Amino acid sequence: MITPAVLISACGALILSTSVRLGRVVDRVRSLADGFEALAKKEASTVELFEERMELTFTQLDWLTTRARHLQRAMTTFYLALGLFVATTVTMGFVGLTGRSGKAYQWIPVVFGMIGAALLFIGTILLAFEATLALRSVHSEMDFLWKLGKHYAPDPLQRRLASRRLFRQLNR
């Protein structure tokens, strides 16, 4: 009886954290959409690195769409796992209450528990894929920010940053 209770708690924590992640993705999409709309209203010649900004926005929106789908699927699997762990607990109680006549049904909680554990595993795999996309997204934004920084940075700062980059490459 303790194992399903622990897994129910784990599912609850994963559902909560996944819904927060999904909310952040939705907020990011809305922010990018606003930025894209403002960018689309401007002429390309008036915006520094216009093409790069447009490419970054489209890439980010593509990755955010995929991330949202992974998060939605993960939440669905966590909710199903949660339901199965609750069903495991209920059927364990049922088998316990029926005594000897319930021996024929002892396999039911085991099956519910195993399917729930499999769904929990699948959900964590989906979260791992989503985290990988989130990292790619951050790297993409950082690359653009470096490009933007190089574009606007004064020469002394660019030379200093170039020497740091050389130092980092030598230490790899």
C-alpha atoms as a PDB file:
ATOM      1  CA  MET A   1       0.000   0.000   0.000  1.00  0.00           C
ATOM      2  CA  ILE A   2       2.929   2.378   0.608  1.00  0.00           C
ATOM      3  CA  THR A   3       4.422   2.119  -2.886  1.00  0.00           C
ATOM      4  CA  PRO A   4       1.312   3.367  -4.739  1.00  0.00           C
ATOM      5  CA  ALA A   5       1.021   6.244  -2.244  1.00  0.00           C
ATOM      6  CA  VAL A   6       4.621   7.309  -2.922  1.00  0.00           C
ATOM      7  CA  LEU A   7       4.065   7.035  -6.666  1.00  0.00           C
ATOM      8  CA  ILE A   8       0.835   9.046  -6.385  1.00  0.00           C
ATOM      9  CA  SER A   9       2.847  11.772  -4.658  1.00  0.00           C
ATOM     10  CA  ALA A  10       5.543  11.588  -7.342  1.00  0.00           C
ATOM     11  CA  CYS A  11       2.930  11.893 -10.092  1.00  0.00           C
ATOM     12  CA  GLY A  12       1.412  14.901  -8.363  1.00  0.00           C
ATOM     13  CA  ALA A  13       4.787  16.629  -8.171  1.00  0.00           C
ATOM     14  CA  LEU A  14       5.502  15.860 -11.832  1.00  0.00           C
ATOM     15  CA  ILE A  15       2.066  17.096 -12.901  1.00  0.00           C
ATOM     16  CA  LEU A  16       2.590  20.336 -10.992  1.00  0.00           C
ATOM     17  CA  SER A  17       6.071  20.995 -12.366  1.00  0.00           C
ATOM     18  CA  THR A  18       5.032  20.023 -15.907  1.00  0.00           C
ATOM     19  CA  SER A  19       2.044  22.369 -15.828  1.00  0.00           C
ATOM     20  CA  VAL A  20       4.341  25.196 -14.677  1.00  0.00           C
ATOM     21  CA  ARG A  21       6.714  24.417 -17.559  1.00  0.00           C
ATOM     22  CA  LEU A  22       3.806  24.384 -19.995  1.00  0.00           C
ATOM     23  CA  GLY A  23       2.633  27.746 -18.661  1.00  0.00           C
ATOM     24  CA  ARG A  24       6.095  29.202 -19.201  1.00  0.00           C
ATOM     25  CA  VAL A  25       6.137  27.900 -22.784  1.00  0.00           C
ATOM     26  CA  VAL A  26       2.747  29.511 -23.441  1.00  0.00           C
ATOM     27  CA  ASP A  27       3.965  32.803 -21.960  1.00  0.00           C
ATOM     28  CA  ARG A  28       7.081  32.637 -24.137  1.00  0.00           C
ATOM     29  CA  VAL A  29       4.991  32.002 -27.263  1.00  0.00           C
ATOM     30  CA  ARG A  30       2.827  35.025 -26.476  1.00  0.00           C
ATOM     31  CA  SER A  31       5.915  37.159 -25.933  1.00  0.00           C
ATOM     32  CA  LEU A  32       7.468  36.009 -29.212  1.00  0.00           C
ATOM     33  CA  ALA A  33       4.192  36.576 -31.051  1.00  0.00           C
ATOM     34  CA  ASP A  34       4.051  40.158 -29.777  1.00  0.00           C
ATOM     35  CA  GLY A  35       7.677  40.726 -30.754  1.00  0.00           C
ATOM     36  CA  PHE A  36       7.120  39.154 -34.146  1.00  0.00           C
ATOM     37  CA  GLU A  37       4.082  41.337 -34.812  1.00  0.00           C
ATOM     38  CA  ALA A  38       6.036  44.471 -33.895  1.00  0.00           C
ATOM     39  CA  LEU A  39       8.949  43.336 -36.077  1.00  0.00           C
ATOM     40  CA  ALA A  40       6.671  42.553 -39.026  1.00  0.00           C
ATOM     41  CA  LYS A  41       5.290  46.102 -38.980  1.00  0.00           C
ATOM     42  CA  LYS A  42       8.778  47.571 -39.446  1.00  0.00           C
ATOM     43  CA  GLU A  43      10.757  47.765 -42.639  1.00  0.00           C
ATOM     44  CA  ALA A  44      13.704  45.389 -42.922  1.00  0.00           C
ATOM     45  CA  SER A  45      16.096  48.245 -43.628  1.00  0.00           C
ATOM     46  CA  THR A  46      15.250  49.980 -40.340  1.00  0.00           C
ATOM     47  CA  VAL A  47      15.931  46.992 -38.074  1.00  0.00           C
ATOM     48  CA  GLU A  48      19.446  45.791 -37.311  1.00  0.00           C
ATOM     49  CA  LEU A  49      19.944  42.106 -38.140  1.00  0.00           C
ATOM     50  CA  PHE A  50      16.356  41.842 -39.411  1.00  0.00           C
ATOM     51  CA  GLU A  51      16.764  38.482 -41.164  1.00  0.00           C
ATOM     52  CA  GLU A  52      18.499  36.972 -38.147  1.00  0.00           C
ATOM     53  CA  ARG A  53      15.732  38.210 -35.856  1.00  0.00           C
ATOM     54  CA  MET A  54      13.045  36.725 -38.102  1.00  0.00           C
ATOM     55  CA  GLU A  55      14.912  33.412 -38.328  1.00  0.00           C
ATOM     56  CA  LEU A  56      15.363  33.279 -34.558  1.00  0.00           C
ATOM     57  CA  THR A  57      11.684  34.008 -33.993  1.00  0.00           C
ATOM     58  CA  PHE A  58      10.515  31.288 -36.382  1.00  0.00           C
ATOM     59  CA  THR A  59      12.983  28.779 -34.959  1.00  0.00           C
ATOM     60  CA  GLN A  60      11.908  29.600 -31.414  1.00  0.00           C
ATOM     61  CA  LEU A  61       8.224  29.272 -32.302  1.00  0.00           C
ATOM     62  CA  ASP A  62       8.864  25.903 -33.943  1.00  0.00           C
ATOM     63  CA  TRP A  63      10.732  24.591 -30.910  1.00  0.00           C
ATOM     64  CA  LEU A  64       8.164  26.010 -28.499  1.00  0.00           C
ATOM     65  CA  THR A  65       5.378  24.249 -30.410  1.00  0.00           C
ATOM     66  CA  THR A  66       7.221  20.945 -30.137  1.00  0.00           C
ATOM     67  CA  ARG A  67       7.995  21.575 -26.475  1.00  0.00           C
ATOM     68  CA  ALA A  68       4.326  22.290 -25.733  1.00  0.00           C
ATOM     69  CA  ARG A  69       3.305  19.040 -27.420  1.00  0.00           C
ATOM     70  CA  HIS A  70       5.844  17.044 -25.405  1.00  0.00           C
ATOM     71  CA  LEU A  71       4.656  18.697 -22.200  1.00  0.00           C
ATOM     72  CA  GLN A  72       0.998  18.031 -23.005  1.00  0.00           C
ATOM     73  CA  ARG A  73       1.753  14.373 -23.730  1.00  0.00           C
ATOM     74  CA  ALA A  74       3.812  14.083 -20.550  1.00  0.00           C
ATOM     75  CA  MET A  75       0.990  15.569 -18.485  1.00  0.00           C
ATOM     76  CA  THR A  76      -1.485  13.154 -20.050  1.00  0.00           C
ATOM     77  CA  THR A  77       0.729  10.182 -19.203  1.00  0.00           C
ATOM     78  CA  PHE A  78       1.247  11.464 -15.651  1.00  0.00           C
ATOM     79  CA  TYR A  79      -2.508  11.859 -15.158  1.00  0.00           C
ATOM     80  CA  LEU A  80      -3.101   8.343 -16.489  1.00  0.00           C
ATOM     81  CA  ALA A  81      -0.347   6.996 -14.234  1.00  0.00           C
ATOM     82  CA  LEU A  82      -1.876   8.825 -11.282  1.00  0.00           C
ATOM     83  CA  GLY A  83      -5.260   7.238 -12.018  1.00  0.00           C
ATOM     84  CA  LEU A  84      -3.693   3.802 -12.283  1.00  0.00           C
ATOM     85  CA  PHE A  85      -1.831   4.196  -8.999  1.00  0.00           C
ATOM     86  CA  VAL A  86      -5.082   5.209  -7.298  1.00  0.00           C
ATOM     87  CA  ALA A  87      -6.754   2.190  -8.939  1.00  0.00           C
ATOM     88  CA  THR A  88      -3.884   0.041  -7.634  1.00  0.00           C
ATOM     89  CA  THR A  89      -4.549   1.234  -4.104  1.00  0.00           C
ATOM     90  CA  VAL A  90      -8.298   0.677  -4.426  1.00  0.00           C
ATOM     91  CA  THR A  91      -7.910  -2.820  -5.877  1.00  0.00           C
ATOM     92  CA  MET A  92      -5.362  -3.713  -3.203  1.00  0.00           C
ATOM     93  CA  GLY A  93      -7.961  -2.736  -0.617  1.00  0.00           C
ATOM     94  CA  PHE A  94     -10.619  -4.719  -2.461  1.00  0.00           C
ATOM     95  CA  VAL A  95      -8.430  -7.832  -2.631  1.00  0.00           C
ATOM     96  CA  GLY A  96      -7.571  -7.423   1.053  1.00  0.00           C
ATOM     97  CA  LEU A  97     -11.222  -7.103   2.054  1.00  0.00           C
ATOM     98  CA  THR A  98     -12.349 -10.159   0.114  1.00  0.00           C
ATOM     99  CA  GLY A  99      -9.878 -12.418   1.927  1.00  0.00           C
ATOM    100  CA  ARG A 100      -9.440 -15.900   0.476  1.00  0.00           C
ATOM    101  CA  SER A 101     -12.059 -15.361  -2.212  1.00  0.00           C
ATOM    102  CA  GLY A 102     -10.045 -12.374  -3.460  1.00  0.00           C
ATOM    103  CA  LYS A 103      -6.929 -14.438  -4.242  1.00  0.00           C
ATOM    104  CA  ALA A 104      -8.139 -14.866  -7.810  1.00  0.00           C
ATOM    105  CA  TYR A 105      -7.960 -11.081  -8.238  1.00  0.00           C
ATOM    106  CA  GLN A 106      -4.502 -10.444  -6.775  1.00  0.00           C
ATOM    107  CA  TRP A 107      -3.054  -9.901 -10.232  1.00  0.00           C
ATOM    108  CA  ILE A 108      -5.207  -6.784 -10.876  1.00  0.00           C
ATOM    109  CA  PRO A 109      -3.324  -4.344  -8.587  1.00  0.00           C
ATOM    110  CA  VAL A 110      -0.022  -5.645  -9.954  1.00  0.00           C
ATOM    111  CA  VAL A 111      -1.117  -4.971 -13.537  1.00  0.00           C
ATOM    112  CA  PHE A 112      -2.419  -1.490 -12.648  1.00  0.00           C
ATOM    113  CA  GLY A 113       0.806  -0.695 -10.816  1.00  0.00           C
ATOM    114  CA  MET A 114       3.035  -1.921 -13.639  1.00  0.00           C
ATOM    115  CA  ILE A 115       1.118   0.001 -16.308  1.00  0.00           C
ATOM    116  CA  GLY A 116       1.208   3.099 -14.092  1.00  0.00           C
ATOM    117  CA  ALA A 117       4.971   2.733 -13.635  1.00  0.00           C
ATOM    118  CA  ALA A 118       5.416   2.344 -17.407  1.00  0.00           C
ATOM    119  CA  LEU A 119       3.406   5.522 -18.015  1.00  0.00           C
ATOM    120  CA  LEU A 120       5.462   7.346 -15.406  1.00  0.00           C
ATOM    121  CA  PHE A 121       8.602   6.249 -17.239  1.00  0.00           C
ATOM    122  CA  ILE A 122       7.216   7.363 -20.619  1.00  0.00           C
ATOM    123  CA  GLY A 123       6.289  10.742 -19.150  1.00  0.00           C
ATOM    124  CA  THR A 124       9.796  11.285 -17.838  1.00  0.00           C
ATOM    125  CA  ILE A 125      11.217  10.403 -21.261  1.00  0.00           C
ATOM    126  CA  LEU A 126       8.946  13.048 -22.812  1.00  0.00           C
ATOM    127  CA  LEU A 127      10.170  15.566 -20.243  1.00  0.00           C
ATOM    128  CA  ALA A 128      13.757  14.714 -21.148  1.00  0.00           C
ATOM    129  CA  PHE A 129      13.013  15.418 -24.831  1.00  0.00           C
ATOM    130  CA  GLU A 130      11.371  18.698 -23.860  1.00  0.00           C
ATOM    131  CA  ALA A 131      14.342  19.689 -21.718  1.00  0.00           C
ATOM    132  CA  THR A 132      16.658  19.015 -24.659  1.00  0.00           C
ATOM    133  CA  LEU A 133      14.572  21.305 -26.854  1.00  0.00           C
ATOM    134  CA  ALA A 134      14.587  23.952 -24.136  1.00  0.00           C
ATOM    135  CA  LEU A 135      18.375  23.802 -24.038  1.00  0.00           C
ATOM    136  CA  ARG A 136      18.602  24.107 -27.826  1.00  0.00           C
ATOM    137  CA  SER A 137      16.288  27.085 -27.662  1.00  0.00           C
ATOM    138  CA  VAL A 138      18.442  28.799 -25.041  1.00  0.00           C
ATOM    139  CA  HIS A 139      21.588  28.119 -27.048  1.00  0.00           C
ATOM    140  CA  SER A 140      19.956  29.566 -30.161  1.00  0.00           C
ATOM    141  CA  GLU A 141      18.972  32.731 -28.305  1.00  0.00           C
ATOM    142  CA  MET A 142      22.426  33.058 -26.773  1.00  0.00           C
ATOM    143  CA  ASP A 143      24.054  32.701 -30.196  1.00  0.00           C
ATOM    144  CA  PHE A 144      21.854  35.498 -31.531  1.00  0.00           C
ATOM    145  CA  LEU A 145      22.592  37.679 -28.512  1.00  0.00           C
ATOM    146  CA  TRP A 146      26.327  37.192 -29.094  1.00  0.00           C
ATOM    147  CA  LYS A 147      25.841  38.224 -32.714  1.00  0.00           C
ATOM    148  CA  LEU A 148      23.834  41.244 -31.608  1.00  0.00           C
ATOM    149  CA  GLY A 149      26.427  42.082 -28.977  1.00  0.00           C
ATOM    150  CA  LYS A 150      29.213  41.935 -31.551  1.00  0.00           C
ATOM    151  CA  HIS A 151      27.187  44.194 -33.810  1.00  0.00           C
ATOM    152  CA  TYR A 152      26.748  46.884 -31.150  1.00  0.00           C
ATOM    153  CA  ALA A 153      29.841  46.420 -28.968  1.00  0.00           C
ATOM    154  CA  PRO A 154      32.599  49.018 -29.284  1.00  0.00           C
ATOM    155  CA  ASP A 155      35.941  47.862 -30.714  1.00  0.00           C
ATOM    156  CA  PRO A 156      37.850  47.719 -27.384  1.00  0.00           C
ATOM    157  CA  LEU A 157      35.186  45.459 -25.914  1.00  0.00           C
ATOM    158  CA  GLN A 158      35.167  43.237 -29.007  1.00  0.00           C
ATOM    159  CA  ARG A 159      38.959  42.839 -28.828  1.00  0.00           C
ATOM    160  CA  ARG A 160      38.739  41.935 -25.144  1.00  0.00           C
ATOM    161  CA  LEU A 161      36.012  39.382 -25.813  1.00  0.00           C
ATOM    162  CA  ALA A 162      38.008  37.947 -28.709  1.00  0.00           C
ATOM    163  CA  SER A 163      40.982  37.372 -26.407  1.00  0.00           C
ATOM    164  CA  ARG A 164      38.753  35.602 -23.884  1.00  0.00           C
ATOM    165  CA  ARG A 165      37.355  33.376 -26.617  1.00  0.00           C
ATOM    166  CA  LEU A 166      40.897  32.439 -27.681  1.00  0.00           C
ATOM    167  CA  PHE A 167      41.769  31.703 -24.042  1.00  0.00           C
ATOM    168  CA  ARG A 168      38.668  29.463 -23.701  1.00  0.00           C
ATOM    169  CA  GLN A 169      39.521  27.588 -26.891  1.00  0.00           C
ATOM    170  CA  LEU A 170      43.065  26.913 -25.666  1.00  0.00           C
ATOM    171  CA  ASN A 171      41.759  25.501 -22.366  1.00  0.00           C
ATOM    172  CA  ARG A 172      39.376  22.986 -23.977  1.00  0.00           C
END
